[in-house]
């Protein structure tokens, strides 16, 4: 078997969180909701260009009791760190910033409405001086 990359990430939510989670990934992260195959569960597929990368599935009861799960975060490769920070500040989305090297990278961490940690990676980019960003 040969693995060539990640096919998609699945996030399970209660029905009352579906609209908030989809709106977060569309309005804050910049993905677009797209075609979704027929399924037993309600939900949504979120696309990066023509590629479906996040599958949100609705479940009837909380799938993982408590706050400790083995799923830690989703990391996305991004560009235009300043535009990202402007969106986060404008929408009052709490976030933290970390810097890595090598390679030079800015990482921004946020949580979606379902409580999933999102890591936004900006290789070779450093943010300008934007208000509301916490490091």
Protein backbone atom coordinates (compact mmCIF):
# COMPACT_ATOMS: atom_id res chain seq x y z
CA UNK A 1 0.00 0.00 0.00
CA UNK A 2 1.18 3.52 -0.83
CA UNK A 3 -0.24 6.57 0.91
CA UNK A 4 -0.18 9.79 -1.08
CA UNK A 5 -1.74 12.25 1.40
CA UNK A 6 -4.72 13.03 3.57
CA UNK A 7 -8.05 12.33 1.88
CA UNK A 8 -10.26 14.24 4.33
CA UNK A 9 -10.85 15.00 7.98
CA UNK A 10 -14.14 14.02 9.63
CA UNK A 11 -15.68 16.14 12.36
CA UNK A 12 -18.76 14.86 14.17
CA UNK A 13 -21.18 17.32 15.74
CA UNK A 14 -24.65 17.42 17.23
CA UNK A 15 -27.28 18.84 14.84
CA UNK A 16 -27.47 22.12 16.79
CA UNK A 17 -23.77 22.79 15.97
CA UNK A 18 -23.82 21.99 12.23
CA UNK A 19 -24.65 25.49 10.96
CA UNK A 20 -22.09 27.14 13.28
CA UNK A 21 -19.32 24.71 12.28
CA UNK A 22 -20.03 25.11 8.54
CA UNK A 23 -20.18 28.92 8.89
CA UNK A 24 -16.84 28.95 10.76
CA UNK A 25 -15.05 26.97 8.06
CA UNK A 26 -16.61 29.07 5.29
CA UNK A 27 -16.43 32.57 6.80
CA UNK A 28 -13.31 32.32 8.96
CA UNK A 29 -11.17 29.63 7.34
CA UNK A 30 -12.26 30.30 3.72
CA UNK A 31 -13.45 26.85 2.65
CA UNK A 32 -16.63 26.45 0.59
CA UNK A 33 -19.47 24.01 1.13
CA UNK A 34 -19.87 21.71 -1.87
CA UNK A 35 -21.28 18.50 -3.28
CA UNK A 36 -21.93 15.80 -0.73
CA UNK A 37 -22.64 12.16 -1.47
CA UNK A 38 -25.83 10.61 -0.13
CA UNK A 39 -25.27 9.46 3.44
CA UNK A 40 -27.21 8.02 6.37
CA UNK A 41 -26.26 11.12 8.38
CA UNK A 42 -26.91 14.80 7.78
CA UNK A 43 -23.81 16.94 7.38
CA UNK A 44 -21.66 18.90 4.95
CA UNK A 45 -18.52 18.64 2.84
CA UNK A 46 -16.18 21.62 2.88
CA UNK A 47 -13.89 22.19 -0.08
CA UNK A 48 -10.53 23.82 -0.71
CA UNK A 49 -10.85 24.62 -4.42
CA UNK A 50 -12.05 21.40 -6.06
CA UNK A 51 -10.93 19.15 -3.21
CA UNK A 52 -13.20 18.08 -0.37
CA UNK A 53 -11.05 18.20 2.77
CA UNK A 54 -13.42 18.36 5.75
CA UNK A 55 -16.47 16.14 6.20
CA UNK A 56 -18.83 17.27 8.95
CA UNK A 57 -21.24 14.54 10.13
CA UNK A 58 -24.23 15.00 12.40
CA UNK A 59 -24.63 12.51 15.25
CA UNK A 60 -27.49 12.02 17.69
CA UNK A 61 -25.43 12.13 20.87
CA UNK A 62 -22.03 13.48 21.88
CA UNK A 63 -19.55 10.98 20.44
CA UNK A 64 -16.70 11.53 22.88
CA UNK A 65 -17.56 12.24 26.51
CA UNK A 66 -15.29 14.66 28.31
CA UNK A 67 -12.68 16.89 26.77
CA UNK A 68 -9.78 14.46 26.40
CA UNK A 69 -9.77 12.72 23.04
CA UNK A 70 -6.97 11.37 20.89
CA UNK A 71 -7.83 13.88 18.16
CA UNK A 72 -5.69 16.94 18.83
CA UNK A 73 -5.97 19.30 15.84
CA UNK A 74 -6.33 19.88 12.11
CA UNK A 75 -3.41 21.62 10.37
CA UNK A 76 -4.00 23.57 7.16
CA UNK A 77 -1.41 25.02 4.78
CA UNK A 78 -2.28 28.69 4.26
CA UNK A 79 -1.09 31.95 2.73
CA UNK A 80 -1.69 35.67 3.47
CA UNK A 81 -1.22 35.70 7.23
CA UNK A 82 -2.26 39.36 7.54
CA UNK A 83 -5.63 38.73 5.84
CA UNK A 84 -6.19 35.77 8.15
CA UNK A 85 -5.45 37.85 11.24
CA UNK A 86 -7.74 40.63 10.02
CA UNK A 87 -10.58 38.12 9.64
CA UNK A 88 -9.98 36.66 13.09
CA UNK A 89 -9.83 40.09 14.76
CA UNK A 90 -12.86 41.38 12.84
CA UNK A 91 -14.90 38.33 13.93
CA UNK A 92 -13.59 38.35 17.54
CA UNK A 93 -12.14 34.85 17.15
CA UNK A 94 -9.66 34.13 19.97
CA UNK A 95 -6.30 32.99 18.60
CA UNK A 96 -2.67 32.50 19.48
CA UNK A 97 0.39 32.92 17.29
CA UNK A 98 3.62 30.94 17.34
CA UNK A 99 6.72 31.26 15.19
CA UNK A 100 8.83 28.32 14.02
CA UNK A 101 12.11 27.94 12.18
CA UNK A 102 13.52 26.36 10.19
CA UNK A 103 11.64 26.68 7.99
CA UNK A 104 10.34 30.15 8.79
CA UNK A 105 6.69 29.66 9.66
CA UNK A 106 3.90 31.51 11.41
CA UNK A 107 1.33 29.27 13.08
CA UNK A 108 -2.05 30.60 14.18
CA UNK A 109 -4.20 28.47 16.46
CA UNK A 110 -8.00 28.83 16.78
CA UNK A 111 -10.89 26.61 17.87
CA UNK A 112 -13.94 25.92 15.74
CA UNK A 113 -17.48 25.93 17.26
CA UNK A 114 -17.26 22.15 17.82
CA UNK A 115 -14.13 22.66 19.96
CA UNK A 116 -11.60 21.36 17.44
CA UNK A 117 -8.20 23.05 17.48
CA UNK A 118 -7.23 24.42 14.06
CA UNK A 119 -3.57 25.08 13.18
CA UNK A 120 -3.09 27.51 10.30
CA UNK A 121 0.45 27.30 8.86
CA UNK A 122 1.96 30.20 6.89
CA UNK A 123 5.39 29.11 5.61
CA UNK A 124 7.75 32.00 4.92
CA UNK A 125 5.30 34.61 6.24
CA UNK A 126 5.38 36.87 9.27
CA UNK A 127 2.41 39.02 10.28
CA UNK A 128 2.45 42.80 10.28
CA UNK A 129 1.46 44.68 13.42
CA UNK A 130 -2.23 43.95 13.74
CA UNK A 131 -4.29 44.81 16.83
CA UNK A 132 -5.94 41.99 18.73
CA UNK A 133 -3.36 39.33 17.96
CA UNK A 134 -2.00 37.56 21.02
CA UNK A 135 1.32 35.74 20.94
